[in-house]
Amino acid sequence: MSRTPSLRIRRVYDPPEPGEGVRILVDRLWPRGLSREEAGIDLWLRDLAPSEALRRAFGHDPARFAAFRAAYRAELDAASGSEAMRELLRRVAAGPVVLLYGARDREHNNASVLAEWLTERLRNGPGEG
């Protein structure tokens, strides 16, 4: 699922593709049953994942996704000046980035919300979006 030419999202369990860019895990928990070697992860930014309370409230229920999306975007707004966010923005500006998530649902997940938030932020500038 592509967002901008330099930002994509993929499931962490999908094998890395040659030349796809920097692979960044954006989940709070390490993916079950996956070794670090198999994952091919370049960076783990767990501080940009939804809070534990938000993650549990969502529970990967698509019916709760709209509320999750709004609450997670508020968390991202609050984290916009964090070192983790600055690192992610630097990586996206430098070249292709793949945001990795572990959820089974390819549409209703935190990486899709983060990619949307980042795309708006990059398009509109830091004060908007």
C-alpha atoms as a PDB file:
ATOM      1  CA  MET A   1       0.000   0.000   0.000  1.00  0.00           C
ATOM      2  CA  SER A   2       1.737   3.122  -1.157  1.00  0.00           C
ATOM      3  CA  ARG A   3       1.279   6.591   0.406  1.00  0.00           C
ATOM      4  CA  THR A   4       4.023   8.655  -1.242  1.00  0.00           C
ATOM      5  CA  PRO A   5       6.870   7.546  -3.503  1.00  0.00           C
ATOM      6  CA  SER A   6       9.166   7.352  -0.462  1.00  0.00           C
ATOM      7  CA  LEU A   7       6.710   5.945   2.123  1.00  0.00           C
ATOM      8  CA  ARG A   8       4.989   2.552   2.059  1.00  0.00           C
ATOM      9  CA  ILE A   9       3.437   0.250   4.625  1.00  0.00           C
ATOM     10  CA  ARG A  10       3.819  -3.513   4.738  1.00  0.00           C
ATOM     11  CA  ARG A  11       3.152  -6.335   7.117  1.00  0.00           C
ATOM     12  CA  VAL A  12       6.314  -7.262   9.010  1.00  0.00           C
ATOM     13  CA  TYR A  13       5.693 -10.939   8.199  1.00  0.00           C
ATOM     14  CA  ASP A  14       5.979 -10.244   4.455  1.00  0.00           C
ATOM     15  CA  PRO A  15       9.531 -10.974   3.300  1.00  0.00           C
ATOM     16  CA  PRO A  16      11.711  -7.950   2.540  1.00  0.00           C
ATOM     17  CA  GLU A  17      11.856  -6.932  -1.114  1.00  0.00           C
ATOM     18  CA  PRO A  18      15.183  -5.958  -2.696  1.00  0.00           C
ATOM     19  CA  GLY A  19      15.667  -2.203  -2.758  1.00  0.00           C
ATOM     20  CA  GLU A  20      12.440  -1.381  -0.904  1.00  0.00           C
ATOM     21  CA  GLY A  21      14.180   1.012   1.469  1.00  0.00           C
ATOM     22  CA  VAL A  22      14.622   1.360   5.204  1.00  0.00           C
ATOM     23  CA  ARG A  23      12.324  -1.011   7.089  1.00  0.00           C
ATOM     24  CA  ILE A  24      10.951   0.562  10.283  1.00  0.00           C
ATOM     25  CA  LEU A  25       8.817  -1.373  12.745  1.00  0.00           C
ATOM     26  CA  VAL A  26       6.176   0.926  14.280  1.00  0.00           C
ATOM     27  CA  ASP A  27       4.534  -1.512  16.713  1.00  0.00           C
ATOM     28  CA  ARG A  28       4.968  -1.343  20.483  1.00  0.00           C
ATOM     29  CA  LEU A  29       5.437  -5.120  20.764  1.00  0.00           C
ATOM     30  CA  TRP A  30       7.885  -7.312  18.849  1.00  0.00           C
ATOM     31  CA  PRO A  31       6.042  -9.510  16.297  1.00  0.00           C
ATOM     32  CA  ARG A  32       5.304 -13.008  17.561  1.00  0.00           C
ATOM     33  CA  GLY A  33       7.335 -15.863  16.163  1.00  0.00           C
ATOM     34  CA  LEU A  34       9.651 -13.651  14.119  1.00  0.00           C
ATOM     35  CA  SER A  35      13.379 -13.466  14.687  1.00  0.00           C
ATOM     36  CA  ARG A  36      15.289 -10.252  14.140  1.00  0.00           C
ATOM     37  CA  GLU A  37      17.073 -11.851  11.187  1.00  0.00           C
ATOM     38  CA  GLU A  38      13.834 -12.957   9.491  1.00  0.00           C
ATOM     39  CA  ALA A  39      12.200  -9.568  10.021  1.00  0.00           C
ATOM     40  CA  GLY A  40      14.895  -7.586   8.228  1.00  0.00           C
ATOM     41  CA  ILE A  41      14.102  -4.555  10.359  1.00  0.00           C
ATOM     42  CA  ASP A  42      16.490  -1.612  10.190  1.00  0.00           C
ATOM     43  CA  LEU A  43      14.922   0.426  12.983  1.00  0.00           C
ATOM     44  CA  TRP A  44      12.289  -0.119  15.675  1.00  0.00           C
ATOM     45  CA  LEU A  45      10.440   3.065  16.677  1.00  0.00           C
ATOM     46  CA  ARG A  46       8.149   1.664  19.372  1.00  0.00           C
ATOM     47  CA  ASP A  47       7.677   5.149  20.850  1.00  0.00           C
ATOM     48  CA  LEU A  48       5.613   6.065  17.770  1.00  0.00           C
ATOM     49  CA  ALA A  49       3.256   3.123  18.222  1.00  0.00           C
ATOM     50  CA  PRO A  50      -0.138   3.652  19.840  1.00  0.00           C
ATOM     51  CA  SER A  51      -0.101   3.744  23.634  1.00  0.00           C
ATOM     52  CA  GLU A  52      -0.757   0.499  25.449  1.00  0.00           C
ATOM     53  CA  ALA A  53      -4.177   1.760  26.582  1.00  0.00           C
ATOM     54  CA  LEU A  54      -5.168   2.754  23.041  1.00  0.00           C
ATOM     55  CA  ARG A  55      -3.869  -0.503  21.587  1.00  0.00           C
ATOM     56  CA  ARG A  56      -5.938  -2.513  24.068  1.00  0.00           C
ATOM     57  CA  ALA A  57      -9.067  -0.364  23.542  1.00  0.00           C
ATOM     58  CA  PHE A  58      -8.859  -0.875  19.768  1.00  0.00           C
ATOM     59  CA  GLY A  59      -8.256  -4.618  20.015  1.00  0.00           C
ATOM     60  CA  HIS A  60      -7.958  -4.807  16.205  1.00  0.00           C
ATOM     61  CA  ASP A  61     -11.735  -4.489  15.912  1.00  0.00           C
ATOM     62  CA  PRO A  62     -12.574  -2.758  12.595  1.00  0.00           C
ATOM     63  CA  ALA A  63     -15.748  -1.350  14.208  1.00  0.00           C
ATOM     64  CA  ARG A  64     -13.519   0.617  16.607  1.00  0.00           C
ATOM     65  CA  PHE A  65     -11.104   1.830  13.923  1.00  0.00           C
ATOM     66  CA  ALA A  66     -12.549   5.334  13.483  1.00  0.00           C
ATOM     67  CA  ALA A  67     -12.218   6.051  17.218  1.00  0.00           C
ATOM     68  CA  PHE A  68      -8.761   4.440  17.267  1.00  0.00           C
ATOM     69  CA  ARG A  69      -7.666   6.521  14.259  1.00  0.00           C
ATOM     70  CA  ALA A  70      -8.760   9.792  15.903  1.00  0.00           C
ATOM     71  CA  ALA A  71      -7.129   8.954  19.239  1.00  0.00           C
ATOM     72  CA  TYR A  72      -3.899   7.724  17.635  1.00  0.00           C
ATOM     73  CA  ARG A  73      -3.663  10.859  15.479  1.00  0.00           C
ATOM     74  CA  ALA A  74      -3.944  12.900  18.700  1.00  0.00           C
ATOM     75  CA  GLU A  75      -1.087  10.844  20.174  1.00  0.00           C
ATOM     76  CA  LEU A  76       0.964  11.475  17.035  1.00  0.00           C
ATOM     77  CA  ASP A  77       0.270  15.207  17.273  1.00  0.00           C
ATOM     78  CA  ALA A  78       1.527  15.120  20.869  1.00  0.00           C
ATOM     79  CA  ALA A  79       4.651  13.186  19.783  1.00  0.00           C
ATOM     80  CA  SER A  80       5.369  15.414  16.788  1.00  0.00           C
ATOM     81  CA  GLY A  81       8.410  16.996  18.449  1.00  0.00           C
ATOM     82  CA  SER A  82       9.846  13.780  19.879  1.00  0.00           C
ATOM     83  CA  GLU A  83      13.235  12.406  18.918  1.00  0.00           C
ATOM     84  CA  ALA A  84      11.571   9.289  17.485  1.00  0.00           C
ATOM     85  CA  MET A  85       9.391  11.419  15.202  1.00  0.00           C
ATOM     86  CA  ARG A  86      12.345  13.567  14.131  1.00  0.00           C
ATOM     87  CA  GLU A  87      14.238  10.368  13.291  1.00  0.00           C
ATOM     88  CA  LEU A  88      11.330   9.036  11.244  1.00  0.00           C
ATOM     89  CA  LEU A  89      10.941  12.319   9.355  1.00  0.00           C
ATOM     90  CA  ARG A  90      14.690  12.335   8.613  1.00  0.00           C
ATOM     91  CA  ARG A  91      14.460   8.784   7.260  1.00  0.00           C
ATOM     92  CA  VAL A  92      11.445   9.570   5.073  1.00  0.00           C
ATOM     93  CA  ALA A  93      13.173  12.681   3.699  1.00  0.00           C
ATOM     94  CA  ALA A  94      16.334  10.684   2.925  1.00  0.00           C
ATOM     95  CA  GLY A  95      14.737   8.030   0.779  1.00  0.00           C
ATOM     96  CA  PRO A  96      12.304   5.172   0.627  1.00  0.00           C
ATOM     97  CA  VAL A  97      10.862   4.001   3.941  1.00  0.00           C
ATOM     98  CA  VAL A  98       8.645   1.030   4.684  1.00  0.00           C
ATOM     99  CA  LEU A  99       6.555   1.233   7.863  1.00  0.00           C
ATOM    100  CA  LEU A 100       6.088  -2.264   9.241  1.00  0.00           C
ATOM    101  CA  TYR A 101       3.215  -3.514  11.378  1.00  0.00           C
ATOM    102  CA  GLY A 102       2.283  -6.938  12.708  1.00  0.00           C
ATOM    103  CA  ALA A 103      -1.537  -6.901  12.554  1.00  0.00           C
ATOM    104  CA  ARG A 104      -3.319  -9.292  10.201  1.00  0.00           C
ATOM    105  CA  ASP A 105      -5.688  -6.592   8.954  1.00  0.00           C
ATOM    106  CA  ARG A 106      -3.941  -4.752   6.122  1.00  0.00           C
ATOM    107  CA  GLU A 107      -6.405  -1.852   6.212  1.00  0.00           C
ATOM    108  CA  HIS A 108      -7.188  -1.257   9.895  1.00  0.00           C
ATOM    109  CA  ASN A 109      -3.795  -0.900  11.568  1.00  0.00           C
ATOM    110  CA  ASN A 110      -1.599   1.713  13.197  1.00  0.00           C
ATOM    111  CA  ALA A 111       0.898   1.893  10.305  1.00  0.00           C
ATOM    112  CA  SER A 112      -1.841   3.006   7.909  1.00  0.00           C
ATOM    113  CA  VAL A 113      -2.805   5.817  10.308  1.00  0.00           C
ATOM    114  CA  LEU A 114       0.831   6.804  10.824  1.00  0.00           C
ATOM    115  CA  ALA A 115       1.476   6.853   7.056  1.00  0.00           C
ATOM    116  CA  GLU A 116      -1.622   8.998   6.533  1.00  0.00           C
ATOM    117  CA  TRP A 117      -0.536  11.391   9.312  1.00  0.00           C
ATOM    118  CA  LEU A 118       3.008  11.612   7.930  1.00  0.00           C
ATOM    119  CA  THR A 119       1.818  12.197   4.379  1.00  0.00           C
ATOM    120  CA  GLU A 120      -0.392  15.066   5.517  1.00  0.00           C
ATOM    121  CA  ARG A 121       2.393  16.472   7.669  1.00  0.00           C
ATOM    122  CA  LEU A 122       4.904  16.376   4.827  1.00  0.00           C
ATOM    123  CA  ARG A 123       2.421  17.880   2.358  1.00  0.00           C
ATOM    124  CA  ASN A 124       1.126  20.643   4.640  1.00  0.00           C
ATOM    125  CA  GLY A 125       4.140  21.413   6.801  1.00  0.00           C
ATOM    126  CA  PRO A 126       4.549  20.920  10.546  1.00  0.00           C
ATOM    127  CA  GLY A 127       1.971  23.503  11.649  1.00  0.00           C
ATOM    128  CA  GLU A 128      -0.900  21.964   9.691  1.00  0.00           C
ATOM    129  CA  GLY A 129      -2.434  18.581   8.942  1.00  0.00           C
END
